[in-house]
Amino acid sequence: GGSGQGNRHVDALAEALMFGFKDKPKLVHRLDRDTSGLMLLARTDR
């Protein structure tokens, strides 16, 4: 998230990627807004 972006970003939308798990997945790294492609999210802090 950032100024004026509300909850329309990967970190917020990760709530829709729980797929039966208790917690939402966590961003491991970032891509620029206009860059597309592979991003990893982790299901646990570990």
All heavy atoms as atom14 arrays in JSON, in Angstrom:
{
  "sequence": "GGSGQGNRHVDALAEALMFGFKDKPKLVHRLDRDTSGLMLLARTDR",
  "atom14_mask": [
    [1, 1, 1, 1, 0, 0, 0, 0, 0, 0, 0, 0, 0, 0],
    [1, 1, 1, 1, 0, 0, 0, 0, 0, 0, 0, 0, 0, 0],
    [1, 1, 1, 1, 1, 1, 0, 0, 0, 0, 0, 0, 0, 0],
    [1, 1, 1, 1, 0, 0, 0, 0, 0, 0, 0, 0, 0, 0],
    [1, 1, 1, 1, 1, 1, 1, 1, 1, 0, 0, 0, 0, 0],
    [1, 1, 1, 1, 0, 0, 0, 0, 0, 0, 0, 0, 0, 0],
    [1, 1, 1, 1, 1, 1, 1, 1, 0, 0, 0, 0, 0, 0],
    [1, 1, 1, 1, 1, 1, 1, 1, 1, 1, 1, 0, 0, 0],
    [1, 1, 1, 1, 1, 1, 1, 1, 1, 1, 0, 0, 0, 0],
    [1, 1, 1, 1, 1, 1, 1, 0, 0, 0, 0, 0, 0, 0],
    [1, 1, 1, 1, 1, 1, 1, 1, 0, 0, 0, 0, 0, 0],
    [1, 1, 1, 1, 1, 0, 0, 0, 0, 0, 0, 0, 0, 0],
    [1, 1, 1, 1, 1, 1, 1, 1, 0, 0, 0, 0, 0, 0],
    [1, 1, 1, 1, 1, 0, 0, 0, 0, 0, 0, 0, 0, 0],
    [1, 1, 1, 1, 1, 1, 1, 1, 1, 0, 0, 0, 0, 0],
    [1, 1, 1, 1, 1, 0, 0, 0, 0, 0, 0, 0, 0, 0],
    [1, 1, 1, 1, 1, 1, 1, 1, 0, 0, 0, 0, 0, 0],
    [1, 1, 1, 1, 1, 1, 1, 1, 0, 0, 0, 0, 0, 0],
    [1, 1, 1, 1, 1, 1, 1, 1, 1, 1, 1, 0, 0, 0],
    [1, 1, 1, 1, 0, 0, 0, 0, 0, 0, 0, 0, 0, 0],
    [1, 1, 1, 1, 1, 1, 1, 1, 1, 1, 1, 0, 0, 0],
    [1, 1, 1, 1, 1, 1, 1, 1, 1, 0, 0, 0, 0, 0],
    [1, 1, 1, 1, 1, 1, 1, 1, 0, 0, 0, 0, 0, 0],
    [1, 1, 1, 1, 1, 1, 1, 1, 1, 0, 0, 0, 0, 0],
    [1, 1, 1, 1, 1, 1, 1, 0, 0, 0, 0, 0, 0, 0],
    [1, 1, 1, 1, 1, 1, 1, 1, 1, 0, 0, 0, 0, 0],
    [1, 1, 1, 1, 1, 1, 1, 1, 0, 0, 0, 0, 0, 0],
    [1, 1, 1, 1, 1, 1, 1, 0, 0, 0, 0, 0, 0, 0],
    [1, 1, 1, 1, 1, 1, 1, 1, 1, 1, 0, 0, 0, 0],
    [1, 1, 1, 1, 1, 1, 1, 1, 1, 1, 1, 0, 0, 0],
    [1, 1, 1, 1, 1, 1, 1, 1, 0, 0, 0, 0, 0, 0],
    [1, 1, 1, 1, 1, 1, 1, 1, 0, 0, 0, 0, 0, 0],
    [1, 1, 1, 1, 1, 1, 1, 1, 1, 1, 1, 0, 0, 0],
    [1, 1, 1, 1, 1, 1, 1, 1, 0, 0, 0, 0, 0, 0],
    [1, 1, 1, 1, 1, 1, 1, 0, 0, 0, 0, 0, 0, 0],
    [1, 1, 1, 1, 1, 1, 0, 0, 0, 0, 0, 0, 0, 0],
    [1, 1, 1, 1, 0, 0, 0, 0, 0, 0, 0, 0, 0, 0],
    [1, 1, 1, 1, 1, 1, 1, 1, 0, 0, 0, 0, 0, 0],
    [1, 1, 1, 1, 1, 1, 1, 1, 0, 0, 0, 0, 0, 0],
    [1, 1, 1, 1, 1, 1, 1, 1, 0, 0, 0, 0, 0, 0],
    [1, 1, 1, 1, 1, 1, 1, 1, 0, 0, 0, 0, 0, 0],
    [1, 1, 1, 1, 1, 0, 0, 0, 0, 0, 0, 0, 0, 0],
    [1, 1, 1, 1, 1, 1, 1, 1, 1, 1, 1, 0, 0, 0],
    [1, 1, 1, 1, 1, 1, 1, 0, 0, 0, 0, 0, 0, 0],
    [1, 1, 1, 1, 1, 1, 1, 1, 0, 0, 0, 0, 0, 0],
    [1, 1, 1, 1, 1, 1, 1, 1, 1, 1, 1, 0, 0, 0]
  ],
  "atom14_positions": [
    [[0.8, -1.21, 0.0], [0.0, 0.0, 0.0], [0.83, 1.26, 0.0], [2.01, 1.27, 0.34], [0.0, 0.0, 0.0], [0.0, 0.0, 0.0], [0.0, 0.0, 0.0], [0.0, 0.0, 0.0], [0.0, 0.0, 0.0], [0.0, 0.0, 0.0], [0.0, 0.0, 0.0], [0.0, 0.0, 0.0], [0.0, 0.0, 0.0], [0.0, 0.0, 0.0]],
    [[0.2, 2.33, -0.41], [0.82, 3.64, -0.42], [-0.26, 4.69, -0.52], [-1.45, 4.39, -0.46], [0.0, 0.0, 0.0], [0.0, 0.0, 0.0], [0.0, 0.0, 0.0], [0.0, 0.0, 0.0], [0.0, 0.0, 0.0], [0.0, 0.0, 0.0], [0.0, 0.0, 0.0], [0.0, 0.0, 0.0], [0.0, 0.0, 0.0], [0.0, 0.0, 0.0]],
    [[0.14, 5.9, -0.71], [-0.81, 7.01, -0.76], [-1.81, 6.82, -1.89], [-1.45, 6.64, -3.05], [-0.04, 8.33, -0.96], [-0.93, 9.4, -1.1], [0.0, 0.0, 0.0], [0.0, 0.0, 0.0], [0.0, 0.0, 0.0], [0.0, 0.0, 0.0], [0.0, 0.0, 0.0], [0.0, 0.0, 0.0], [0.0, 0.0, 0.0], [0.0, 0.0, 0.0]],
    [[-3.1, 6.83, -1.54], [-4.16, 6.78, -2.53], [-4.44, 5.41, -3.12], [-5.26, 5.28, -4.01], [0.0, 0.0, 0.0], [0.0, 0.0, 0.0], [0.0, 0.0, 0.0], [0.0, 0.0, 0.0], [0.0, 0.0, 0.0], [0.0, 0.0, 0.0], [0.0, 0.0, 0.0], [0.0, 0.0, 0.0], [0.0, 0.0, 0.0], [0.0, 0.0, 0.0]],
    [[-3.77, 4.36, -2.61], [-3.94, 3.04, -3.19], [-4.99, 2.2, -2.48], [-5.38, 1.15, -2.98], [-2.6, 2.3, -3.2], [-1.6, 2.92, -4.16], [-0.22, 2.3, -4.05], [0.01, 1.4, -3.27], [0.71, 2.8, -4.84], [0.0, 0.0, 0.0], [0.0, 0.0, 0.0], [0.0, 0.0, 0.0], [0.0, 0.0, 0.0], [0.0, 0.0, 0.0]],
    [[-5.46, 2.65, -1.3], [-6.47, 1.89, -0.58], [-5.98, 0.48, -0.29], [-4.84, 0.26, 0.1], [0.0, 0.0, 0.0], [0.0, 0.0, 0.0], [0.0, 0.0, 0.0], [0.0, 0.0, 0.0], [0.0, 0.0, 0.0], [0.0, 0.0, 0.0], [0.0, 0.0, 0.0], [0.0, 0.0, 0.0], [0.0, 0.0, 0.0], [0.0, 0.0, 0.0]],
    [[-6.87, -0.51, -0.49], [-6.47, -1.89, -0.23], [-6.3, -2.68, -1.52], [-6.35, -3.9, -1.52], [-7.5, -2.59, 0.68], [-8.84, -2.79, -0.01], [-9.09, -2.23, -1.08], [-9.71, -3.58, 0.59], [0.0, 0.0, 0.0], [0.0, 0.0, 0.0], [0.0, 0.0, 0.0], [0.0, 0.0, 0.0], [0.0, 0.0, 0.0], [0.0, 0.0, 0.0]],
    [[-6.09, -1.98, -2.62], [-5.89, -2.69, -3.89], [-4.39, -2.84, -4.17], [-3.81, -2.15, -5.01], [-6.6, -1.99, -5.04], [-6.78, -2.91, -6.24], [-7.56, -2.26, -7.37], [-7.89, -3.24, -8.4], [-7.06, -3.62, -9.37], [-5.85, -3.08, -9.43], [-7.44, -4.53, -10.24], [0.0, 0.0, 0.0], [0.0, 0.0, 0.0], [0.0, 0.0, 0.0]],
    [[-3.77, -3.73, -3.43], [-2.37, -4.09, -3.64], [-2.2, -5.53, -3.17], [-3.07, -6.09, -2.49], [-1.43, -3.14, -2.89], [-1.75, -2.94, -1.45], [-1.32, -3.79, -0.46], [-2.49, -1.98, -0.82], [-1.76, -3.36, 0.72], [-2.47, -2.28, 0.53], [0.0, 0.0, 0.0], [0.0, 0.0, 0.0], [0.0, 0.0, 0.0], [0.0, 0.0, 0.0]],
    [[-1.1, -6.16, -3.56], [-0.93, -7.59, -3.3], [-1.02, -7.9, -1.82], [-1.67, -8.88, -1.41], [0.4, -8.09, -3.88], [0.64, -9.55, -3.49], [0.43, -7.94, -5.4], [0.0, 0.0, 0.0], [0.0, 0.0, 0.0], [0.0, 0.0, 0.0], [0.0, 0.0, 0.0], [0.0, 0.0, 0.0], [0.0, 0.0, 0.0], [0.0, 0.0, 0.0]],
    [[-0.41, -7.09, -0.97], [-0.4, -7.37, 0.46], [-1.81, -7.43, 1.03], [-2.12, -8.31, 1.84], [0.44, -6.31, 1.18], [0.74, -6.7, 2.62], [0.85, -7.91, 2.89], [0.84, -5.8, 3.47], [0.0, 0.0, 0.0], [0.0, 0.0, 0.0], [0.0, 0.0, 0.0], [0.0, 0.0, 0.0], [0.0, 0.0, 0.0], [0.0, 0.0, 0.0]],
    [[-2.67, -6.5, 0.63], [-4.05, -6.5, 1.12], [-4.87, -7.62, 0.48], [-5.65, -8.3, 1.14], [-4.71, -5.15, 0.87], [0.0, 0.0, 0.0], [0.0, 0.0, 0.0], [0.0, 0.0, 0.0], [0.0, 0.0, 0.0], [0.0, 0.0, 0.0], [0.0, 0.0, 0.0], [0.0, 0.0, 0.0], [0.0, 0.0, 0.0], [0.0, 0.0, 0.0]],
    [[-4.69, -7.82, -0.82], [-5.46, -8.84, -1.53], [-5.05, -10.25, -1.14], [-5.75, -11.22, -1.46], [-5.31, -8.66, -3.04], [-5.86, -7.34, -3.61], [-5.65, -7.29, -5.12], [-7.33, -7.16, -3.28], [0.0, 0.0, 0.0], [0.0, 0.0, 0.0], [0.0, 0.0, 0.0], [0.0, 0.0, 0.0], [0.0, 0.0, 0.0], [0.0, 0.0, 0.0]],
    [[-3.92, -10.39, -0.43], [-3.5, -11.7, 0.04], [-4.52, -12.33, 0.97], [-4.5, -13.54, 1.21], [-2.13, -11.6, 0.73], [0.0, 0.0, 0.0], [0.0, 0.0, 0.0], [0.0, 0.0, 0.0], [0.0, 0.0, 0.0], [0.0, 0.0, 0.0], [0.0, 0.0, 0.0], [0.0, 0.0, 0.0], [0.0, 0.0, 0.0], [0.0, 0.0, 0.0]],
    [[-5.45, -11.51, 1.52], [-6.55, -12.06, 2.32], [-7.36, -13.06, 1.51], [-7.97, -13.98, 2.06], [-7.46, -10.93, 2.79], [-6.84, -9.96, 3.78], [-6.83, -10.5, 5.21], [-7.31, -11.62, 5.41], [-6.32, -9.8, 6.1], [0.0, 0.0, 0.0], [0.0, 0.0, 0.0], [0.0, 0.0, 0.0], [0.0, 0.0, 0.0], [0.0, 0.0, 0.0]],
    [[-7.39, -12.89, 0.19], [-8.16, -13.79, -0.68], [-7.34, -15.0, -1.11], [-7.81, -15.8, -1.92], [-8.64, -13.02, -1.91], [0.0, 0.0, 0.0], [0.0, 0.0, 0.0], [0.0, 0.0, 0.0], [0.0, 0.0, 0.0], [0.0, 0.0, 0.0], [0.0, 0.0, 0.0], [0.0, 0.0, 0.0], [0.0, 0.0, 0.0], [0.0, 0.0, 0.0]],
    [[-6.13, -15.15, -0.57], [-5.25, -16.25, -0.95], [-4.98, -17.19, 0.22], [-3.96, -17.9, 0.24], [-3.92, -15.69, -1.48], [-4.0, -14.8, -2.72], [-2.62, -14.26, -3.08], [-4.61, -15.56, -3.9], [0.0, 0.0, 0.0], [0.0, 0.0, 0.0], [0.0, 0.0, 0.0], [0.0, 0.0, 0.0], [0.0, 0.0, 0.0], [0.0, 0.0, 0.0]],
    [[-5.88, -17.21, 1.2], [-5.67, -18.06, 2.37], [-5.92, -19.53, 2.05], [-5.29, -20.42, 2.61], [-6.54, -17.58, 3.51], [-6.1, -16.22, 4.05], [-7.32, -15.4, 5.11], [-7.4, -16.55, 6.47], [0.0, 0.0, 0.0], [0.0, 0.0, 0.0], [0.0, 0.0, 0.0], [0.0, 0.0, 0.0], [0.0, 0.0, 0.0], [0.0, 0.0, 0.0]],
    [[-6.87, -19.83, 1.17], [-7.14, -21.19, 0.71], [-7.22, -22.19, 1.87], [-6.58, -23.25, 1.85], [-6.09, -21.65, -0.3], [-6.02, -20.81, -1.54], [-4.84, -20.19, -1.94], [-7.15, -20.62, -2.34], [-4.78, -19.42, -3.09], [-7.1, -19.85, -3.5], [-5.92, -19.25, -3.87], [0.0, 0.0, 0.0], [0.0, 0.0, 0.0], [0.0, 0.0, 0.0]],
    [[-8.02, -21.85, 2.88], [-8.24, -22.76, 3.99], [-7.26, -22.64, 5.13], [-7.44, -23.28, 6.18], [0.0, 0.0, 0.0], [0.0, 0.0, 0.0], [0.0, 0.0, 0.0], [0.0, 0.0, 0.0], [0.0, 0.0, 0.0], [0.0, 0.0, 0.0], [0.0, 0.0, 0.0], [0.0, 0.0, 0.0], [0.0, 0.0, 0.0], [0.0, 0.0, 0.0]],
    [[-6.22, -21.82, 5.0], [-5.27, -21.62, 6.1], [-5.77, -20.51, 7.02], [-6.6, -19.69, 6.64], [-3.88, -21.28, 5.54], [-3.13, -22.47, 5.03], [-3.52, -23.1, 3.86], [-2.04, -22.97, 5.71], [-2.84, -24.2, 3.37], [-1.33, -24.06, 5.23], [-1.73, -24.69, 4.06], [0.0, 0.0, 0.0], [0.0, 0.0, 0.0], [0.0, 0.0, 0.0]],
    [[-5.25, -20.49, 8.23], [-5.72, -19.55, 9.24], [-5.28, -18.13, 8.96], [-6.03, -17.17, 9.19], [-5.21, -19.98, 10.62], [-5.66, -19.08, 11.77], [-5.18, -19.64, 13.11], [-3.66, -19.64, 13.21], [-3.19, -20.04, 14.55], [0.0, 0.0, 0.0], [0.0, 0.0, 0.0], [0.0, 0.0, 0.0], [0.0, 0.0, 0.0], [0.0, 0.0, 0.0]],
    [[-4.06, -17.95, 8.47], [-3.49, -16.61, 8.27], [-3.27, -16.33, 6.79], [-3.07, -17.25, 5.99], [-2.15, -16.49, 9.01], [-2.31, -16.71, 10.51], [-3.26, -16.16, 11.09], [-1.48, -17.45, 11.07], [0.0, 0.0, 0.0], [0.0, 0.0, 0.0], [0.0, 0.0, 0.0], [0.0, 0.0, 0.0], [0.0, 0.0, 0.0], [0.0, 0.0, 0.0]],
    [[-3.29, -15.06, 6.46], [-3.02, -14.7, 5.07], [-1.53, -14.87, 4.78], [-0.69, -14.7, 5.68], [-3.46, -13.27, 4.79], [-2.53, -12.18, 5.28], [-2.96, -10.81, 4.76], [-1.92, -9.74, 5.11], [-2.27, -8.41, 4.56], [0.0, 0.0, 0.0], [0.0, 0.0, 0.0], [0.0, 0.0, 0.0], [0.0, 0.0, 0.0], [0.0, 0.0, 0.0]],
    [[-1.16, -15.19, 3.54], [0.26, -15.33, 3.2], [0.98, -13.99, 3.25], [0.37, -12.93, 3.13], [0.23, -15.89, 1.77], [-1.1, -15.49, 1.23], [-2.04, -15.47, 2.39], [0.0, 0.0, 0.0], [0.0, 0.0, 0.0], [0.0, 0.0, 0.0], [0.0, 0.0, 0.0], [0.0, 0.0, 0.0], [0.0, 0.0, 0.0], [0.0, 0.0, 0.0]],
    [[2.28, -14.06, 3.43], [3.11, -12.88, 3.64], [4.02, -12.64, 2.44], [4.61, -13.58, 1.91], [3.93, -13.06, 4.91], [3.07, -13.28, 6.15], [3.8, -14.04, 7.23], [2.89, -14.29, 8.42], [1.74, -15.17, 8.06], [0.0, 0.0, 0.0], [0.0, 0.0, 0.0], [0.0, 0.0, 0.0], [0.0, 0.0, 0.0], [0.0, 0.0, 0.0]],
    [[4.17, -11.37, 2.06], [5.07, -11.03, 0.97], [6.51, -11.35, 1.35], [6.96, -11.05, 2.46], [4.98, -9.54, 0.63], [3.94, -9.12, -0.42], [2.53, -9.39, 0.08], [4.11, -7.65, -0.76], [0.0, 0.0, 0.0], [0.0, 0.0, 0.0], [0.0, 0.0, 0.0], [0.0, 0.0, 0.0], [0.0, 0.0, 0.0], [0.0, 0.0, 0.0]],
    [[7.23, -12.0, 0.44], [8.64, -12.31, 0.65], [9.52, -11.25, -0.01], [10.59, -10.91, 0.47], [8.97, -13.71, 0.09], [10.45, -14.0, 0.18], [8.17, -14.77, 0.85], [0.0, 0.0, 0.0], [0.0, 0.0, 0.0], [0.0, 0.0, 0.0], [0.0, 0.0, 0.0], [0.0, 0.0, 0.0], [0.0, 0.0, 0.0], [0.0, 0.0, 0.0]],
    [[9.07, -10.72, -1.14], [9.79, -9.66, -1.85], [8.77, -8.84, -2.62], [7.58, -9.14, -2.59], [10.86, -10.25, -2.79], [10.29, -11.14, -3.84], [10.3, -10.85, -5.18], [9.67, -12.35, -3.76], [9.73, -11.81, -5.87], [9.33, -12.74, -5.02], [0.0, 0.0, 0.0], [0.0, 0.0, 0.0], [0.0, 0.0, 0.0], [0.0, 0.0, 0.0]],
    [[9.23, -7.81, -3.31], [8.31, -6.91, -4.02], [8.7, -6.76, -5.48], [9.84, -7.0, -5.85], [8.3, -5.53, -3.35], [7.79, -5.51, -1.93], [7.86, -4.12, -1.35], [9.24, -3.65, -1.23], [9.59, -2.39, -0.95], [8.65, -1.48, -0.74], [10.85, -2.05, -0.86], [0.0, 0.0, 0.0], [0.0, 0.0, 0.0], [0.0, 0.0, 0.0]],
    [[7.71, -6.35, -6.27], [7.95, -5.9, -7.63], [7.41, -4.48, -7.75], [6.44, -4.12, -7.07], [7.23, -6.79, -8.65], [7.73, -8.24, -8.83], [6.82, -8.98, -9.8], [9.17, -8.26, -9.31], [0.0, 0.0, 0.0], [0.0, 0.0, 0.0], [0.0, 0.0, 0.0], [0.0, 0.0, 0.0], [0.0, 0.0, 0.0], [0.0, 0.0, 0.0]],
    [[8.02, -3.68, -8.63], [7.46, -2.36, -8.91], [6.02, -2.5, -9.39], [5.65, -3.51, -9.98], [8.27, -1.64, -9.98], [9.67, -1.27, -9.52], [9.91, -1.3, -8.31], [10.51, -0.97, -10.39], [0.0, 0.0, 0.0], [0.0, 0.0, 0.0], [0.0, 0.0, 0.0], [0.0, 0.0, 0.0], [0.0, 0.0, 0.0], [0.0, 0.0, 0.0]],
    [[5.23, -1.48, -9.16], [3.82, -1.51, -9.54], [3.61, -1.92, -10.99], [2.75, -2.75, -11.31], [3.18, -0.14, -9.3], [1.7, -0.07, -9.69], [1.17, 1.33, -9.54], [1.89, 2.26, -10.42], [1.76, 3.58, -10.37], [0.95, 4.12, -9.47], [2.42, 4.36, -11.2], [0.0, 0.0, 0.0], [0.0, 0.0, 0.0], [0.0, 0.0, 0.0]],
    [[4.39, -1.35, -11.91], [4.16, -1.59, -13.33], [4.94, -2.78, -13.87], [4.81, -3.12, -15.05], [4.5, -0.33, -14.13], [3.56, 0.82, -13.81], [2.37, 0.55, -13.58], [4.02, 1.98, -13.77], [0.0, 0.0, 0.0], [0.0, 0.0, 0.0], [0.0, 0.0, 0.0], [0.0, 0.0, 0.0], [0.0, 0.0, 0.0], [0.0, 0.0, 0.0]],
    [[5.74, -3.42, -13.03], [6.45, -4.64, -13.42], [5.55, -5.84, -13.16], [4.94, -5.94, -12.09], [7.76, -4.79, -12.64], [8.58, -3.65, -12.87], [8.51, -6.04, -13.06], [0.0, 0.0, 0.0], [0.0, 0.0, 0.0], [0.0, 0.0, 0.0], [0.0, 0.0, 0.0], [0.0, 0.0, 0.0], [0.0, 0.0, 0.0], [0.0, 0.0, 0.0]],
    [[5.46, -6.73, -14.12], [4.64, -7.93, -13.96], [5.53, -9.12, -13.63], [6.76, -9.04, -13.69], [3.86, -8.21, -15.24], [4.76, -8.38, -16.34], [0.0, 0.0, 0.0], [0.0, 0.0, 0.0], [0.0, 0.0, 0.0], [0.0, 0.0, 0.0], [0.0, 0.0, 0.0], [0.0, 0.0, 0.0], [0.0, 0.0, 0.0], [0.0, 0.0, 0.0]],
    [[4.89, -10.24, -13.27], [5.64, -11.48, -13.15], [5.67, -12.09, -11.77], [4.84, -11.79, -10.91], [0.0, 0.0, 0.0], [0.0, 0.0, 0.0], [0.0, 0.0, 0.0], [0.0, 0.0, 0.0], [0.0, 0.0, 0.0], [0.0, 0.0, 0.0], [0.0, 0.0, 0.0], [0.0, 0.0, 0.0], [0.0, 0.0, 0.0], [0.0, 0.0, 0.0]],
    [[6.67, -12.94, -11.56], [6.7, -13.85, -10.42], [6.98, -13.14, -9.09], [7.96, -12.4, -8.96], [7.75, -14.93, -10.65], [7.31, -16.04, -11.61], [8.51, -16.77, -12.19], [6.38, -17.02, -10.9], [0.0, 0.0, 0.0], [0.0, 0.0, 0.0], [0.0, 0.0, 0.0], [0.0, 0.0, 0.0], [0.0, 0.0, 0.0], [0.0, 0.0, 0.0]],
    [[6.09, -13.4, -8.14], [6.25, -12.95, -6.76], [5.99, -14.12, -5.84], [5.07, -14.91, -6.08], [5.25, -11.83, -6.41], [5.63, -10.46, -6.83], [4.47, -9.24, -6.12], [4.87, -9.38, -4.37], [0.0, 0.0, 0.0], [0.0, 0.0, 0.0], [0.0, 0.0, 0.0], [0.0, 0.0, 0.0], [0.0, 0.0, 0.0], [0.0, 0.0, 0.0]],
    [[6.78, -14.24, -4.77], [6.6, -15.3, -3.8], [5.93, -14.77, -2.54], [6.26, -13.68, -2.06], [7.93, -15.93, -3.42], [8.7, -16.66, -4.53], [9.99, -17.24, -3.96], [7.86, -17.75, -5.16], [0.0, 0.0, 0.0], [0.0, 0.0, 0.0], [0.0, 0.0, 0.0], [0.0, 0.0, 0.0], [0.0, 0.0, 0.0], [0.0, 0.0, 0.0]],
    [[4.98, -15.54, -2.01], [4.36, -15.27, -0.73], [4.51, -16.51, 0.13], [4.46, -17.64, -0.38], [2.87, -14.94, -0.87], [2.51, -13.61, -1.56], [2.49, -13.77, -3.08], [1.14, -13.11, -1.08], [0.0, 0.0, 0.0], [0.0, 0.0, 0.0], [0.0, 0.0, 0.0], [0.0, 0.0, 0.0], [0.0, 0.0, 0.0], [0.0, 0.0, 0.0]],
    [[4.74, -16.32, 1.42], [4.93, -17.43, 2.34], [3.71, -17.58, 3.24], [3.13, -16.59, 3.69], [6.18, -17.19, 3.19], [0.0, 0.0, 0.0], [0.0, 0.0, 0.0], [0.0, 0.0, 0.0], [0.0, 0.0, 0.0], [0.0, 0.0, 0.0], [0.0, 0.0, 0.0], [0.0, 0.0, 0.0], [0.0, 0.0, 0.0], [0.0, 0.0, 0.0]],
    [[3.33, -18.82, 3.5], [2.14, -19.06, 4.33], [2.42, -18.89, 5.82], [1.49, -18.71, 6.6], [1.61, -20.47, 4.07], [1.02, -20.69, 2.67], [0.22, -21.97, 2.68], [-0.25, -22.38, 1.37], [-1.4, -22.01, 0.83], [-2.18, -21.17, 1.48], [-1.77, -22.48, -0.35], [0.0, 0.0, 0.0], [0.0, 0.0, 0.0], [0.0, 0.0, 0.0]],
    [[3.68, -18.96, 6.24], [4.03, -18.83, 7.65], [5.21, -17.88, 7.81], [5.98, -17.65, 6.87], [4.41, -20.2, 8.26], [5.6, -20.68, 7.63], [3.28, -21.21, 8.08], [0.0, 0.0, 0.0], [0.0, 0.0, 0.0], [0.0, 0.0, 0.0], [0.0, 0.0, 0.0], [0.0, 0.0, 0.0], [0.0, 0.0, 0.0], [0.0, 0.0, 0.0]],
    [[5.38, -17.38, 9.03], [6.52, -16.51, 9.33], [7.84, -17.24, 9.13], [8.81, -16.66, 8.65], [6.43, -16.01, 10.77], [5.3, -15.01, 10.98], [4.9, -14.36, 10.0], [4.82, -14.89, 12.12], [0.0, 0.0, 0.0], [0.0, 0.0, 0.0], [0.0, 0.0, 0.0], [0.0, 0.0, 0.0], [0.0, 0.0, 0.0], [0.0, 0.0, 0.0]],
    [[7.86, -18.52, 9.5], [9.1, -19.3, 9.36], [9.53, -19.39, 7.91], [10.71, -19.17, 7.59], [8.88, -20.69, 9.94], [10.06, -21.64, 9.74], [9.67, -23.06, 10.05], [10.69, -24.01, 9.66], [10.51, -25.32, 9.54], [9.31, -25.83, 9.8], [11.48, -26.13, 9.18], [0.0, 0.0, 0.0], [0.0, 0.0, 0.0], [0.0, 0.0, 0.0]]
  ]
}
